[in-house]
C-alpha atoms as a PDB file:
ATOM      1  CA  MET A   1      14.837 -40.751 -14.584  1.00  0.00           C
ATOM      2  CA  PRO A   2      15.569 -39.456 -18.112  1.00  0.00           C
ATOM      3  CA  ASN A   3      16.681 -41.876 -20.812  1.00  0.00           C
ATOM      4  CA  LEU A   4      20.434 -41.379 -21.267  1.00  0.00           C
ATOM      5  CA  MET A   5      20.826 -43.773 -24.196  1.00  0.00           C
ATOM      6  CA  PRO A   6      20.456 -41.175 -27.006  1.00  0.00           C
ATOM      7  CA  ARG A   7      23.147 -38.994 -25.427  1.00  0.00           C
ATOM      8  CA  LEU A   8      25.476 -41.949 -24.835  1.00  0.00           C
ATOM      9  CA  ARG A   9      25.263 -43.360 -28.359  1.00  0.00           C
ATOM     10  CA  LEU A  10      27.332 -40.702 -30.104  1.00  0.00           C
ATOM     11  CA  PRO A  11      30.376 -40.981 -27.788  1.00  0.00           C
ATOM     12  CA  ALA A  12      30.157 -44.774 -28.021  1.00  0.00           C
ATOM     13  CA  LEU A  13      29.894 -44.458 -31.785  1.00  0.00           C
ATOM     14  CA  LEU A  14      32.994 -42.278 -31.977  1.00  0.00           C
ATOM     15  CA  LEU A  15      34.956 -44.677 -29.785  1.00  0.00           C
ATOM     16  CA  THR A  16      33.923 -47.542 -32.036  1.00  0.00           C
ATOM     17  CA  LEU A  17      35.014 -45.632 -35.127  1.00  0.00           C
ATOM     18  CA  ALA A  18      38.456 -44.985 -33.715  1.00  0.00           C
ATOM     19  CA  ALA A  19      39.155 -48.709 -33.973  1.00  0.00           C
ATOM     20  CA  LEU A  20      37.852 -49.151 -37.535  1.00  0.00           C
ATOM     21  CA  PRO A  21      40.084 -49.196 -40.605  1.00  0.00           C
ATOM     22  CA  ALA A  22      39.213 -46.325 -42.928  1.00  0.00           C
ATOM     23  CA  LEU A  23      40.720 -47.502 -46.200  1.00  0.00           C
ATOM     24  CA  ALA A  24      41.661 -50.816 -47.705  1.00  0.00           C
ATOM     25  CA  GLY A  25      45.116 -49.321 -48.383  1.00  0.00           C
ATOM     26  CA  GLY A  26      45.510 -48.481 -44.718  1.00  0.00           C
ATOM     27  CA  HIS A  27      45.302 -45.639 -42.268  1.00  0.00           C
ATOM     28  CA  ASP A  28      48.388 -43.957 -43.724  1.00  0.00           C
ATOM     29  CA  GLU A  29      46.776 -43.537 -47.128  1.00  0.00           C
ATOM     30  CA  ALA A  30      43.571 -42.167 -45.583  1.00  0.00           C
ATOM     31  CA  ARG A  31      45.597 -39.733 -43.459  1.00  0.00           C
ATOM     32  CA  GLU A  32      47.559 -38.548 -46.502  1.00  0.00           C
ATOM     33  CA  LEU A  33      44.339 -37.979 -48.466  1.00  0.00           C
ATOM     34  CA  ARG A  34      42.842 -36.077 -45.529  1.00  0.00           C
ATOM     35  CA  GLU A  35      45.959 -33.916 -45.065  1.00  0.00           C
ATOM     36  CA  ALA A  36      46.009 -33.142 -48.809  1.00  0.00           C
ATOM     37  CA  GLY A  37      42.392 -31.980 -48.619  1.00  0.00           C
ATOM     38  CA  GLU A  38      41.180 -34.770 -50.892  1.00  0.00           C
ATOM     39  CA  ILE A  39      38.749 -36.174 -48.292  1.00  0.00           C
ATOM     40  CA  LEU A  40      36.953 -34.973 -45.182  1.00  0.00           C
ATOM     41  CA  PRO A  41      37.834 -36.439 -41.794  1.00  0.00           C
ATOM     42  CA  LEU A  42      35.727 -39.482 -40.956  1.00  0.00           C
ATOM     43  CA  GLN A  43      34.555 -37.766 -37.760  1.00  0.00           C
ATOM     44  CA  GLN A  44      32.974 -35.015 -39.859  1.00  0.00           C
ATOM     45  CA  ILE A  45      31.030 -37.559 -41.919  1.00  0.00           C
ATOM     46  CA  ILE A  46      29.904 -39.442 -38.811  1.00  0.00           C
ATOM     47  CA  GLY A  47      28.892 -36.173 -37.165  1.00  0.00           C
ATOM     48  CA  HIS A  48      26.066 -35.907 -39.720  1.00  0.00           C
ATOM     49  CA  LEU A  49      24.532 -39.230 -38.650  1.00  0.00           C
ATOM     50  CA  ASP A  50      21.513 -39.211 -36.397  1.00  0.00           C
ATOM     51  CA  PRO A  51      22.649 -40.846 -33.133  1.00  0.00           C
ATOM     52  CA  ALA A  52      19.355 -42.755 -33.094  1.00  0.00           C
ATOM     53  CA  ALA A  53      20.227 -44.367 -36.456  1.00  0.00           C
ATOM     54  CA  GLY A  54      21.929 -47.256 -34.685  1.00  0.00           C
ATOM     55  CA  ARG A  55      25.366 -48.730 -34.179  1.00  0.00           C
ATOM     56  CA  VAL A  56      28.134 -48.400 -36.761  1.00  0.00           C
ATOM     57  CA  LEU A  57      29.319 -51.840 -37.809  1.00  0.00           C
ATOM     58  CA  GLU A  58      31.875 -50.968 -40.439  1.00  0.00           C
ATOM     59  CA  VAL A  59      33.359 -47.989 -42.242  1.00  0.00           C
ATOM     60  CA  GLU A  60      35.282 -48.201 -45.479  1.00  0.00           C
ATOM     61  CA  LEU A  61      36.812 -45.602 -47.730  1.00  0.00           C
ATOM     62  CA  GLU A  62      36.540 -46.758 -51.320  1.00  0.00           C
ATOM     63  CA  HIS A  63      37.794 -45.264 -54.565  1.00  0.00           C
ATOM     64  CA  HIS A  64      34.986 -45.218 -57.154  1.00  0.00           C
ATOM     65  CA  GLY A  65      35.952 -43.774 -60.529  1.00  0.00           C
ATOM     66  CA  ASP A  66      37.100 -40.217 -59.937  1.00  0.00           C
ATOM     67  CA  ARG A  67      36.038 -39.940 -56.288  1.00  0.00           C
ATOM     68  CA  TYR A  68      36.447 -41.413 -52.831  1.00  0.00           C
ATOM     69  CA  VAL A  69      33.358 -42.665 -51.029  1.00  0.00           C
ATOM     70  CA  TYR A  70      32.848 -43.400 -47.342  1.00  0.00           C
ATOM     71  CA  GLU A  71      30.661 -46.488 -46.937  1.00  0.00           C
ATOM     72  CA  VAL A  72      29.128 -46.645 -43.454  1.00  0.00           C
ATOM     73  CA  GLU A  73      27.206 -49.756 -42.378  1.00  0.00           C
ATOM     74  CA  ILE A  74      24.768 -49.200 -39.527  1.00  0.00           C
ATOM     75  CA  LEU A  75      22.784 -51.724 -37.467  1.00  0.00           C
ATOM     76  CA  ASN A  76      19.502 -50.212 -36.291  1.00  0.00           C
ATOM     77  CA  ASP A  77      17.373 -51.166 -33.286  1.00  0.00           C
ATOM     78  CA  ARG A  78      15.232 -53.484 -35.447  1.00  0.00           C
ATOM     79  CA  GLY A  79      18.268 -55.565 -36.427  1.00  0.00           C
ATOM     80  CA  GLU A  80      18.413 -54.152 -39.958  1.00  0.00           C
ATOM     81  CA  VAL A  81      21.705 -53.207 -41.591  1.00  0.00           C
ATOM     82  CA  TRP A  82      21.781 -50.047 -43.683  1.00  0.00           C
ATOM     83  CA  GLU A  83      24.622 -48.757 -45.816  1.00  0.00           C
ATOM     84  CA  HIS A  84      25.101 -45.023 -46.191  1.00  0.00           C
ATOM     85  CA  ARG A  85      27.466 -43.814 -48.927  1.00  0.00           C
ATOM     86  CA  TYR A  86      28.972 -40.343 -48.655  1.00  0.00           C
ATOM     87  CA  ASP A  87      31.147 -38.411 -51.065  1.00  0.00           C
ATOM     88  CA  ALA A  88      34.379 -38.247 -49.068  1.00  0.00           C
ATOM     89  CA  ARG A  89      35.318 -34.811 -50.403  1.00  0.00           C
ATOM     90  CA  SER A  90      32.005 -32.976 -49.914  1.00  0.00           C
ATOM     91  CA  GLY A  91      30.232 -35.091 -47.298  1.00  0.00           C
ATOM     92  CA  GLU A  92      27.143 -35.343 -49.519  1.00  0.00           C
ATOM     93  CA  LEU A  93      24.954 -38.397 -48.881  1.00  0.00           C
ATOM     94  CA  LEU A  94      25.016 -40.264 -52.195  1.00  0.00           C
ATOM     95  CA  LYS A  95      22.963 -43.303 -51.343  1.00  0.00           C
ATOM     96  CA  ARG A  96      21.241 -45.049 -48.463  1.00  0.00           C
ATOM     97  CA  GLU A  97      20.227 -48.659 -48.922  1.00  0.00           C
ATOM     98  CA  HIS A  98      19.055 -51.635 -46.902  1.00  0.00           C
ATOM     99  CA  GLU A  99      21.534 -54.495 -46.814  1.00  0.00           C
ATOM    100  CA  ASP A 100      20.201 -58.040 -47.264  1.00  0.00           C
END
């Protein structure tokens, strides 16, 4: 029987993300920024993640200087937590680092 886990991870990931707060200021602020074209939808950022990367633990939208940054914490199969930082306007991966 084929392994269904890789195909099931992405839908489970998206369901998990639906329950996560996107911005310290609240969902309304994130929605307003998205509608104004200031940031990409979170789903678009998450769509770039490799489903085998692991489980999303937390997503935050932070304001750093003159830009917004999505910070995505991921728990991989080895129990390691990684943080991926994406430019919220362009979707560019800015940084990927191991969390202690």
